[in-house]
Amino acid sequence: MGLFYWTIAADNLRGLIIFCVKEKKRQKYLKIQANNLSYKRLLFYYYFNAHVLPLPSQ
């Protein structure tokens, strides 16, 4: 079961990276100083919950 979740998380990793890059650019565009800790926490949260949370299409 755990391996199944890890496989799905790995499949979504590319989409996750794209999402994080776009989100970081959006925050920069809005001149919001992104907290590095909260950004890593967002990455951690999405990566380990990829089997529960659908990634944004864009």
PDB file of N, CA and C in Angstrom:
ATOM      1  N   MET A   1       0.841  -1.205   0.000  1.00  0.00           N
ATOM      2  CA  MET A   1       0.000   0.000   0.000  1.00  0.00           C
ATOM      3  C   MET A   1       0.873   1.250   0.000  1.00  0.00           C
ATOM      4  N   GLY A   2       1.867   1.257   0.869  1.00  0.00           N
ATOM      5  CA  GLY A   2       2.759   2.404   0.925  1.00  0.00           C
ATOM      6  C   GLY A   2       3.529   2.585  -0.368  1.00  0.00           C
ATOM      7  N   LEU A   3       3.963   1.459  -0.946  1.00  0.00           N
ATOM      8  CA  LEU A   3       4.704   1.508  -2.206  1.00  0.00           C
ATOM      9  C   LEU A   3       3.811   2.054  -3.320  1.00  0.00           C
ATOM     10  N   PHE A   4       2.548   1.690  -3.285  1.00  0.00           N
ATOM     11  CA  PHE A   4       1.589   2.197  -4.265  1.00  0.00           C
ATOM     12  C   PHE A   4       1.490   3.716  -4.190  1.00  0.00           C
ATOM     13  N   TYR A   5       1.409   4.240  -2.954  1.00  0.00           N
ATOM     14  CA  TYR A   5       1.340   5.695  -2.763  1.00  0.00           C
ATOM     15  C   TYR A   5       2.621   6.367  -3.250  1.00  0.00           C
ATOM     16  N   TRP A   6       3.774   5.752  -2.935  1.00  0.00           N
ATOM     17  CA  TRP A   6       5.048   6.316  -3.369  1.00  0.00           C
ATOM     18  C   TRP A   6       5.134   6.365  -4.887  1.00  0.00           C
ATOM     19  N   THR A   7       4.590   5.318  -5.564  1.00  0.00           N
ATOM     20  CA  THR A   7       4.618   5.279  -7.028  1.00  0.00           C
ATOM     21  C   THR A   7       3.805   6.421  -7.610  1.00  0.00           C
ATOM     22  N   ILE A   8       2.624   6.657  -7.051  1.00  0.00           N
ATOM     23  CA  ILE A   8       1.773   7.748  -7.528  1.00  0.00           C
ATOM     24  C   ILE A   8       2.458   9.088  -7.270  1.00  0.00           C
ATOM     25  N   ALA A   9       3.071   9.228  -6.100  1.00  0.00           N
ATOM     26  CA  ALA A   9       3.775  10.464  -5.770  1.00  0.00           C
ATOM     27  C   ALA A   9       4.907  10.716  -6.763  1.00  0.00           C
ATOM     28  N   ALA A  10       5.615   9.652  -7.137  1.00  0.00           N
ATOM     29  CA  ALA A  10       6.706   9.791  -8.103  1.00  0.00           C
ATOM     30  C   ALA A  10       6.161  10.189  -9.475  1.00  0.00           C
ATOM     31  N   ASP A  11       5.014   9.634  -9.851  1.00  0.00           N
ATOM     32  CA  ASP A  11       4.400   9.969 -11.136  1.00  0.00           C
ATOM     33  C   ASP A  11       3.979  11.429 -11.185  1.00  0.00           C
ATOM     34  N   ASN A  12       3.599  11.982 -10.030  1.00  0.00           N
ATOM     35  CA  ASN A  12       3.128  13.359  -9.973  1.00  0.00           C
ATOM     36  C   ASN A  12       4.261  14.349  -9.696  1.00  0.00           C
ATOM     37  N   LEU A  13       5.484  13.854  -9.533  1.00  0.00           N
ATOM     38  CA  LEU A  13       6.592  14.719  -9.124  1.00  0.00           C
ATOM     39  C   LEU A  13       6.877  15.795 -10.164  1.00  0.00           C
ATOM     40  N   ARG A  14       6.842  15.417 -11.453  1.00  0.00           N
ATOM     41  CA  ARG A  14       7.117  16.401 -12.505  1.00  0.00           C
ATOM     42  C   ARG A  14       6.078  17.524 -12.490  1.00  0.00           C
ATOM     43  N   GLY A  15       4.814  17.142 -12.374  1.00  0.00           N
ATOM     44  CA  GLY A  15       3.750  18.132 -12.301  1.00  0.00           C
ATOM     45  C   GLY A  15       3.883  18.983 -11.046  1.00  0.00           C
ATOM     46  N   LEU A  16       4.326  18.370  -9.958  1.00  0.00           N
ATOM     47  CA  LEU A  16       4.515  19.084  -8.708  1.00  0.00           C
ATOM     48  C   LEU A  16       5.597  20.142  -8.843  1.00  0.00           C
ATOM     49  N   ILE A  17       6.718  19.784  -9.479  1.00  0.00           N
ATOM     50  CA  ILE A  17       7.813  20.735  -9.666  1.00  0.00           C
ATOM     51  C   ILE A  17       7.344  21.910 -10.520  1.00  0.00           C
ATOM     52  N   ILE A  18       6.612  21.617 -11.601  1.00  0.00           N
ATOM     53  CA  ILE A  18       6.098  22.672 -12.464  1.00  0.00           C
ATOM     54  C   ILE A  18       5.170  23.599 -11.676  1.00  0.00           C
ATOM     55  N   PHE A  19       4.308  23.000 -10.848  1.00  0.00           N
ATOM     56  CA  PHE A  19       3.385  23.789 -10.036  1.00  0.00           C
ATOM     57  C   PHE A  19       4.143  24.702  -9.076  1.00  0.00           C
ATOM     58  N   CYS A  20       5.160  24.155  -8.415  1.00  0.00           N
ATOM     59  CA  CYS A  20       5.916  24.939  -7.441  1.00  0.00           C
ATOM     60  C   CYS A  20       6.666  26.084  -8.111  1.00  0.00           C
ATOM     61  N   VAL A  21       7.216  25.834  -9.292  1.00  0.00           N
ATOM     62  CA  VAL A  21       7.922  26.886 -10.023  1.00  0.00           C
ATOM     63  C   VAL A  21       6.955  27.998 -10.412  1.00  0.00           C
ATOM     64  N   LYS A  22       5.790  27.619 -10.916  1.00  0.00           N
ATOM     65  CA  LYS A  22       4.790  28.620 -11.303  1.00  0.00           C
ATOM     66  C   LYS A  22       4.304  29.392 -10.080  1.00  0.00           C
ATOM     67  N   GLU A  23       4.118  28.685  -8.962  1.00  0.00           N
ATOM     68  CA  GLU A  23       3.663  29.333  -7.735  1.00  0.00           C
ATOM     69  C   GLU A  23       4.711  30.307  -7.230  1.00  0.00           C
ATOM     70  N   LYS A  24       5.983  29.924  -7.316  1.00  0.00           N
ATOM     71  CA  LYS A  24       7.058  30.804  -6.866  1.00  0.00           C
ATOM     72  C   LYS A  24       7.123  32.048  -7.753  1.00  0.00           C
ATOM     73  N   LYS A  25       6.940  31.859  -9.070  1.00  0.00           N
ATOM     74  CA  LYS A  25       6.926  33.003  -9.991  1.00  0.00           C
ATOM     75  C   LYS A  25       5.740  33.910  -9.697  1.00  0.00           C
ATOM     76  N   ARG A  26       4.589  33.320  -9.363  1.00  0.00           N
ATOM     77  CA  ARG A  26       3.397  34.106  -9.059  1.00  0.00           C
ATOM     78  C   ARG A  26       3.616  34.943  -7.807  1.00  0.00           C
ATOM     79  N   GLN A  27       4.231  34.324  -6.793  1.00  0.00           N
ATOM     80  CA  GLN A  27       4.507  35.048  -5.560  1.00  0.00           C
ATOM     81  C   GLN A  27       5.485  36.192  -5.815  1.00  0.00           C
ATOM     82  N   LYS A  28       6.466  35.944  -6.679  1.00  0.00           N
ATOM     83  CA  LYS A  28       7.435  36.980  -7.012  1.00  0.00           C
ATOM     84  C   LYS A  28       6.753  38.107  -7.778  1.00  0.00           C
ATOM     85  N   TYR A  29       5.843  37.730  -8.661  1.00  0.00           N
ATOM     86  CA  TYR A  29       5.102  38.715  -9.447  1.00  0.00           C
ATOM     87  C   TYR A  29       4.253  39.602  -8.532  1.00  0.00           C
ATOM     88  N   LEU A  30       3.643  38.988  -7.523  1.00  0.00           N
ATOM     89  CA  LEU A  30       2.827  39.736  -6.573  1.00  0.00           C
ATOM     90  C   LEU A  30       3.676  40.410  -5.501  1.00  0.00           C
ATOM     91  N   LYS A  31       4.997  40.288  -5.633  1.00  0.00           N
ATOM     92  CA  LYS A  31       5.954  40.885  -4.701  1.00  0.00           C
ATOM     93  C   LYS A  31       5.704  40.428  -3.265  1.00  0.00           C
ATOM     94  N   ILE A  32       5.355  39.155  -3.151  1.00  0.00           N
ATOM     95  CA  ILE A  32       5.192  38.552  -1.828  1.00  0.00           C
ATOM     96  C   ILE A  32       6.493  37.843  -1.480  1.00  0.00           C
ATOM     97  N   GLN A  33       7.098  38.222  -0.374  1.00  0.00           N
ATOM     98  CA  GLN A  33       8.331  37.577   0.044  1.00  0.00           C
ATOM     99  C   GLN A  33       8.005  36.179   0.558  1.00  0.00           C
ATOM    100  N   ALA A  34       8.296  35.173  -0.273  1.00  0.00           N
ATOM    101  CA  ALA A  34       7.984  33.797   0.095  1.00  0.00           C
ATOM    102  C   ALA A  34       8.910  33.324   1.218  1.00  0.00           C
ATOM    103  N   ASN A  35       8.314  32.816   2.265  1.00  0.00           N
ATOM    104  CA  ASN A  35       9.097  32.254   3.366  1.00  0.00           C
ATOM    105  C   ASN A  35       9.637  30.899   2.921  1.00  0.00           C
ATOM    106  N   ASN A  36      10.950  30.738   2.955  1.00  0.00           N
ATOM    107  CA  ASN A  36      11.570  29.509   2.449  1.00  0.00           C
ATOM    108  C   ASN A  36      11.071  28.277   3.205  1.00  0.00           C
ATOM    109  N   LEU A  37      10.858  28.420   4.505  1.00  0.00           N
ATOM    110  CA  LEU A  37      10.386  27.296   5.305  1.00  0.00           C
ATOM    111  C   LEU A  37       8.974  26.883   4.889  1.00  0.00           C
ATOM    112  N   SER A  38       8.087  27.861   4.721  1.00  0.00           N
ATOM    113  CA  SER A  38       6.715  27.539   4.334  1.00  0.00           C
ATOM    114  C   SER A  38       6.674  26.975   2.920  1.00  0.00           C
ATOM    115  N   TYR A  39       7.592  27.442   2.042  1.00  0.00           N
ATOM    116  CA  TYR A  39       7.658  26.920   0.675  1.00  0.00           C
ATOM    117  C   TYR A  39       8.060  25.452   0.684  1.00  0.00           C
ATOM    118  N   LYS A  40       9.069  25.107   1.500  1.00  0.00           N
ATOM    119  CA  LYS A  40       9.484  23.706   1.613  1.00  0.00           C
ATOM    120  C   LYS A  40       8.383  22.870   2.235  1.00  0.00           C
ATOM    121  N   ARG A  41       7.655  23.460   3.176  1.00  0.00           N
ATOM    122  CA  ARG A  41       6.557  22.748   3.817  1.00  0.00           C
ATOM    123  C   ARG A  41       5.448  22.459   2.802  1.00  0.00           C
ATOM    124  N   LEU A  42       5.191  23.427   1.900  1.00  0.00           N
ATOM    125  CA  LEU A  42       4.202  23.221   0.838  1.00  0.00           C
ATOM    126  C   LEU A  42       4.638  22.082  -0.066  1.00  0.00           C
ATOM    127  N   LEU A  43       5.918  22.066  -0.444  1.00  0.00           N
ATOM    128  CA  LEU A  43       6.456  21.012  -1.288  1.00  0.00           C
ATOM    129  C   LEU A  43       6.318  19.651  -0.610  1.00  0.00           C
ATOM    130  N   PHE A  44       6.680  19.583   0.673  1.00  0.00           N
ATOM    131  CA  PHE A  44       6.575  18.354   1.447  1.00  0.00           C
ATOM    132  C   PHE A  44       5.125  17.874   1.505  1.00  0.00           C
ATOM    133  N   TYR A  45       4.214  18.814   1.775  1.00  0.00           N
ATOM    134  CA  TYR A  45       2.801  18.480   1.918  1.00  0.00           C
ATOM    135  C   TYR A  45       2.232  17.909   0.625  1.00  0.00           C
ATOM    136  N   TYR A  46       2.519  18.599  -0.501  1.00  0.00           N
ATOM    137  CA  TYR A  46       2.002  18.120  -1.780  1.00  0.00           C
ATOM    138  C   TYR A  46       2.628  16.800  -2.188  1.00  0.00           C
ATOM    139  N   TYR A  47       3.934  16.638  -1.938  1.00  0.00           N
ATOM    140  CA  TYR A  47       4.609  15.423  -2.376  1.00  0.00           C
ATOM    141  C   TYR A  47       4.084  14.196  -1.650  1.00  0.00           C
ATOM    142  N   PHE A  48       3.937  14.304  -0.335  1.00  0.00           N
ATOM    143  CA  PHE A  48       3.544  13.139   0.448  1.00  0.00           C
ATOM    144  C   PHE A  48       2.032  12.938   0.483  1.00  0.00           C
ATOM    145  N   ASN A  49       1.275  13.872  -0.083  1.00  0.00           N
ATOM    146  CA  ASN A  49      -0.171  13.714  -0.149  1.00  0.00           C
ATOM    147  C   ASN A  49      -0.656  13.695  -1.594  1.00  0.00           C
ATOM    148  N   ALA A  50       0.278  13.391  -2.525  1.00  0.00           N
ATOM    149  CA  ALA A  50      -0.057  13.411  -3.952  1.00  0.00           C
ATOM    150  C   ALA A  50      -1.147  12.395  -4.280  1.00  0.00           C
ATOM    151  N   HIS A  51      -1.264  11.332  -3.463  1.00  0.00           N
ATOM    152  CA  HIS A  51      -2.270  10.316  -3.732  1.00  0.00           C
ATOM    153  C   HIS A  51      -3.648  10.766  -3.249  1.00  0.00           C
ATOM    154  N   VAL A  52      -3.692  11.848  -2.468  1.00  0.00           N
ATOM    155  CA  VAL A  52      -4.970  12.348  -1.953  1.00  0.00           C
ATOM    156  C   VAL A  52      -5.367  13.635  -2.666  1.00  0.00           C
ATOM    157  N   LEU A  53      -4.393  14.559  -2.823  1.00  0.00           N
ATOM    158  CA  LEU A  53      -4.688  15.851  -3.411  1.00  0.00           C
ATOM    159  C   LEU A  53      -4.334  15.870  -4.891  1.00  0.00           C
ATOM    160  N   PRO A  54      -5.290  16.209  -5.747  1.00  0.00           N
ATOM    161  CA  PRO A  54      -4.984  16.347  -7.171  1.00  0.00           C
ATOM    162  C   PRO A  54      -4.140  17.593  -7.397  1.00  0.00           C
ATOM    163  N   LEU A  55      -3.136  17.478  -8.263  1.00  0.00           N
ATOM    164  CA  LEU A  55      -2.309  18.637  -8.564  1.00  0.00           C
ATOM    165  C   LEU A  55      -3.057  19.577  -9.505  1.00  0.00           C
ATOM    166  N   PRO A  56      -2.825  20.892  -9.360  1.00  0.00           N
ATOM    167  CA  PRO A  56      -3.469  21.854 -10.254  1.00  0.00           C
ATOM    168  C   PRO A  56      -3.081  21.576 -11.710  1.00  0.00           C
ATOM    169  N   SER A  57      -4.044  21.687 -12.606  1.00  0.00           N
ATOM    170  CA  SER A  57      -3.787  21.374 -14.012  1.00  0.00           C
ATOM    171  C   SER A  57      -2.824  22.379 -14.625  1.00  0.00           C
ATOM    172  N   GLN A  58      -2.881  23.619 -14.154  1.00  0.00           N
ATOM    173  CA  GLN A  58      -1.952  24.629 -14.675  1.00  0.00           C
ATOM    174  C   GLN A  58      -1.277  25.306 -13.519  1.00  0.00           C
TER     175      GLN A  58
END
